[in-house]
């Protein structure tokens, strides 16, 4: 089986690669996210969780259109805030099945998930989850979600570092500090970092 490669471009932007197809998730616009260089990459598919400029800059991705997807995709509409989307609108969670490897990207999830929503996110190999708070769920809610879903691998996103991200976001360490050794495999990726996995 061909490996699934997950590359991190910072903020909430990733590129999934499998069987010659590349999927870019939540590309950010030039100058939208402090500290990150302009995003320039290529893909066959682009998906954006919502319409804010730091998540929907599809124009920054050179798209090779016309490919028929070899993966399957499940989309779940959620909220960008804890008030039913009345503050920041809606958000789309997506689950990709890449040859049996299930990867979920939560976008700018802004509230806890309900039981029926959690059921759609069962048996995940990789969970790409926002942990910085303010615009999304924060470290504590992210930890609760990780404990509820029990994914094999967790990749945090949408947080502040010393040189990148919005000042209002919590740093990654606030999320990591909540685990006491019983956590799943948590893999913080730096800009340009990647993981590879297969079933």
Protein backbone atom coordinates (compact mmCIF):
# COMPACT_ATOMS: atom_id res chain seq x y z
CA UNK A 1 0.00 0.00 0.00
CA UNK A 2 1.25 3.48 -0.87
CA UNK A 3 2.01 5.72 2.10
CA UNK A 4 -0.04 8.79 2.97
CA UNK A 5 2.13 11.89 3.38
CA UNK A 6 0.89 14.83 5.44
CA UNK A 7 2.85 18.09 5.08
CA UNK A 8 2.36 21.15 7.29
CA UNK A 9 2.48 24.65 5.80
CA UNK A 10 1.64 26.43 9.04
CA UNK A 11 -1.52 27.77 10.70
CA UNK A 12 -4.22 25.26 9.57
CA UNK A 13 -2.79 24.49 6.14
CA UNK A 14 -1.78 20.95 5.21
CA UNK A 15 -1.17 18.98 2.05
CA UNK A 16 -2.19 15.33 1.92
CA UNK A 17 -0.53 13.18 -0.75
CA UNK A 18 -1.59 9.68 -1.77
CA UNK A 19 -1.40 7.71 -5.01
CA UNK A 20 -0.16 10.70 -6.97
CA UNK A 21 -2.96 12.99 -5.78
CA UNK A 22 -2.38 16.03 -3.59
CA UNK A 23 -5.03 17.70 -1.43
CA UNK A 24 -4.40 21.14 0.10
CA UNK A 25 -6.47 22.09 3.13
CA UNK A 26 -7.18 25.62 4.37
CA UNK A 27 -4.58 27.62 2.40
CA UNK A 28 -3.95 31.08 3.86
CA UNK A 29 -3.64 34.33 1.91
CA UNK A 30 -0.48 36.39 1.62
CA UNK A 31 0.16 38.37 4.80
CA UNK A 32 -2.88 36.90 6.57
CA UNK A 33 -1.03 35.00 9.29
CA UNK A 34 1.86 36.73 11.08
CA UNK A 35 5.24 35.12 10.57
CA UNK A 36 4.41 32.79 7.68
CA UNK A 37 5.79 33.35 4.17
CA UNK A 38 3.46 33.52 1.17
CA UNK A 39 1.98 30.13 0.39
CA UNK A 40 2.82 28.73 -3.03
CA UNK A 41 2.17 25.06 -3.70
CA UNK A 42 0.46 22.70 -6.15
CA UNK A 43 -2.35 20.19 -5.82
CA UNK A 44 -5.13 18.35 -7.61
CA UNK A 45 -7.71 19.34 -5.00
CA UNK A 46 -8.24 22.24 -2.56
CA UNK A 47 -10.70 22.30 0.33
CA UNK A 48 -11.42 25.24 2.63
CA UNK A 49 -13.20 24.91 5.95
CA UNK A 50 -14.74 28.39 5.77
CA UNK A 51 -14.51 31.71 3.97
CA UNK A 52 -12.01 33.65 6.11
CA UNK A 53 -8.88 34.77 4.28
CA UNK A 54 -6.50 32.80 6.50
CA UNK A 55 -8.26 29.57 5.46
CA UNK A 56 -9.68 29.98 1.94
CA UNK A 57 -6.89 31.34 -0.30
CA UNK A 58 -7.33 28.73 -3.03
CA UNK A 59 -5.71 31.19 -5.45
CA UNK A 60 -2.36 30.49 -3.74
CA UNK A 61 -2.51 26.86 -4.88
CA UNK A 62 -1.68 25.96 -8.48
CA UNK A 63 -4.49 23.56 -9.24
CA UNK A 64 -4.07 20.65 -11.65
CA UNK A 65 -7.75 20.20 -12.37
CA UNK A 66 -9.52 17.30 -13.99
CA UNK A 67 -8.38 14.44 -11.77
CA UNK A 68 -10.99 12.03 -10.44
CA UNK A 69 -10.51 11.63 -6.69
CA UNK A 70 -9.11 8.29 -5.57
CA UNK A 71 -10.07 9.09 -1.98
CA UNK A 72 -13.45 9.28 -0.29
CA UNK A 73 -14.58 12.33 1.63
CA UNK A 74 -17.12 12.98 4.38
CA UNK A 75 -18.04 16.59 5.22
CA UNK A 76 -19.65 17.73 8.46
CA UNK A 77 -21.02 21.24 8.92
CA UNK A 78 -20.24 22.67 12.36
CA UNK A 79 -19.92 26.15 13.88
CA UNK A 80 -17.02 28.57 14.01
CA UNK A 81 -18.11 29.66 17.49
CA UNK A 82 -20.02 28.49 20.55
CA UNK A 83 -23.13 30.48 19.57
CA UNK A 84 -24.41 28.45 16.65
CA UNK A 85 -22.30 30.33 14.12
CA UNK A 86 -23.87 33.71 14.91
CA UNK A 87 -20.47 35.25 15.71
CA UNK A 88 -18.17 33.84 13.03
CA UNK A 89 -20.32 31.68 10.78
CA UNK A 90 -20.13 28.03 9.85
CA UNK A 91 -17.18 25.68 9.63
CA UNK A 92 -16.74 22.44 7.69
CA UNK A 93 -14.99 19.43 9.20
CA UNK A 94 -13.71 16.96 6.61
CA UNK A 95 -12.71 13.33 6.93
CA UNK A 96 -10.60 11.81 4.15
CA UNK A 97 -10.26 8.08 3.60
CA UNK A 98 -7.01 7.48 1.76
CA UNK A 99 -6.77 3.77 1.15
CA UNK A 100 -8.01 2.98 4.64
CA UNK A 101 -6.07 5.78 6.36
CA UNK A 102 -8.64 8.13 7.90
CA UNK A 103 -7.56 11.75 8.33
CA UNK A 104 -9.82 14.44 9.82
CA UNK A 105 -9.23 18.17 9.47
CA UNK A 106 -11.38 20.14 11.92
CA UNK A 107 -10.89 23.58 10.34
CA UNK A 108 -11.80 26.41 12.70
CA UNK A 109 -14.03 24.34 14.94
CA UNK A 110 -15.38 26.70 17.58
CA UNK A 111 -17.43 24.48 19.88
CA UNK A 112 -17.67 21.02 21.39
CA UNK A 113 -18.98 18.27 19.14
CA UNK A 114 -22.26 16.48 19.77
CA UNK A 115 -22.53 12.69 20.12
CA UNK A 116 -23.76 12.17 16.55
CA UNK A 117 -20.92 14.33 15.23
CA UNK A 118 -18.36 12.41 17.25
CA UNK A 119 -19.69 9.18 15.76
CA UNK A 120 -18.80 10.40 12.27
CA UNK A 121 -15.23 10.94 13.41
CA UNK A 122 -14.62 7.50 14.84
CA UNK A 123 -11.60 5.31 14.10
CA UNK A 124 -9.31 8.13 12.97
CA UNK A 125 -5.70 7.54 12.09
CA UNK A 126 -4.85 11.25 12.17
CA UNK A 127 -6.68 14.16 13.77
CA UNK A 128 -5.67 17.67 12.63
CA UNK A 129 -7.05 19.79 15.46
CA UNK A 130 -7.03 23.51 16.37
CA UNK A 131 -5.77 24.12 19.90
CA UNK A 132 -5.15 27.88 20.17
CA UNK A 133 -8.55 29.13 21.32
CA UNK A 134 -10.10 32.59 20.75
CA UNK A 135 -11.21 31.86 17.15
CA UNK A 136 -11.47 28.09 17.74
CA UNK A 137 -11.68 25.60 20.55
CA UNK A 138 -8.92 26.09 23.11
CA UNK A 139 -6.46 23.68 24.70
CA UNK A 140 -8.88 22.21 27.28
CA UNK A 141 -11.70 21.56 24.81
CA UNK A 142 -9.19 20.17 22.30
CA UNK A 143 -7.95 17.73 24.95
CA UNK A 144 -11.53 16.63 25.70
CA UNK A 145 -12.09 16.02 22.00
CA UNK A 146 -8.89 14.00 21.68
CA UNK A 147 -9.97 11.87 24.65
CA UNK A 148 -13.42 11.34 23.13
CA UNK A 149 -12.16 10.41 19.66
CA UNK A 150 -8.98 8.51 20.61
CA UNK A 151 -7.24 8.97 17.24
CA UNK A 152 -3.99 7.14 16.64
CA UNK A 153 -2.09 10.35 15.90
CA UNK A 154 -2.85 13.96 16.83
CA UNK A 155 -1.37 16.91 14.91
CA UNK A 156 -2.10 20.28 16.60
CA UNK A 157 -2.72 23.36 14.46
CA UNK A 158 -3.90 26.98 14.71
CA UNK A 159 -1.77 28.06 17.67
CA UNK A 160 0.85 30.71 18.39
CA UNK A 161 4.60 30.19 18.38
CA UNK A 162 7.37 32.59 19.26
CA UNK A 163 7.53 33.80 15.66
CA UNK A 164 4.22 32.88 14.05
CA UNK A 165 0.48 33.10 14.58
CA UNK A 166 -1.93 35.61 16.04
CA UNK A 167 -1.11 37.10 19.44
CA UNK A 168 -4.54 36.15 20.81
CA UNK A 169 -3.91 32.43 20.29
CA UNK A 170 -2.61 30.19 23.03
CA UNK A 171 0.83 28.66 22.51
CA UNK A 172 1.18 24.98 21.67
CA UNK A 173 2.66 24.23 25.09
CA UNK A 174 -0.68 25.08 26.74
CA UNK A 175 -2.20 22.10 24.93
CA UNK A 176 0.73 19.74 25.40
CA UNK A 177 0.92 20.48 29.13
CA UNK A 178 -2.58 19.03 29.66
CA UNK A 179 -1.41 15.48 28.93
CA UNK A 180 0.29 13.42 31.60
CA UNK A 181 1.87 10.57 29.72
CA UNK A 182 -1.31 8.71 28.77
CA UNK A 183 -1.83 10.74 25.62
CA UNK A 184 -2.05 9.36 22.09
CA UNK A 185 0.80 9.98 19.69
CA UNK A 186 0.91 13.79 19.54
CA UNK A 187 3.08 15.07 16.69
CA UNK A 188 3.64 18.84 16.64
CA UNK A 189 4.84 19.66 13.13
CA UNK A 190 6.92 22.71 12.37
CA UNK A 191 6.53 24.67 9.13
CA UNK A 192 7.54 22.38 6.27
CA UNK A 193 7.47 19.28 8.46
CA UNK A 194 5.66 16.09 7.52
CA UNK A 195 4.62 12.63 8.62
CA UNK A 196 4.08 9.49 6.57
CA UNK A 197 1.84 6.60 7.52
CA UNK A 198 -0.05 3.60 6.22
CA UNK A 199 -2.47 1.05 7.62
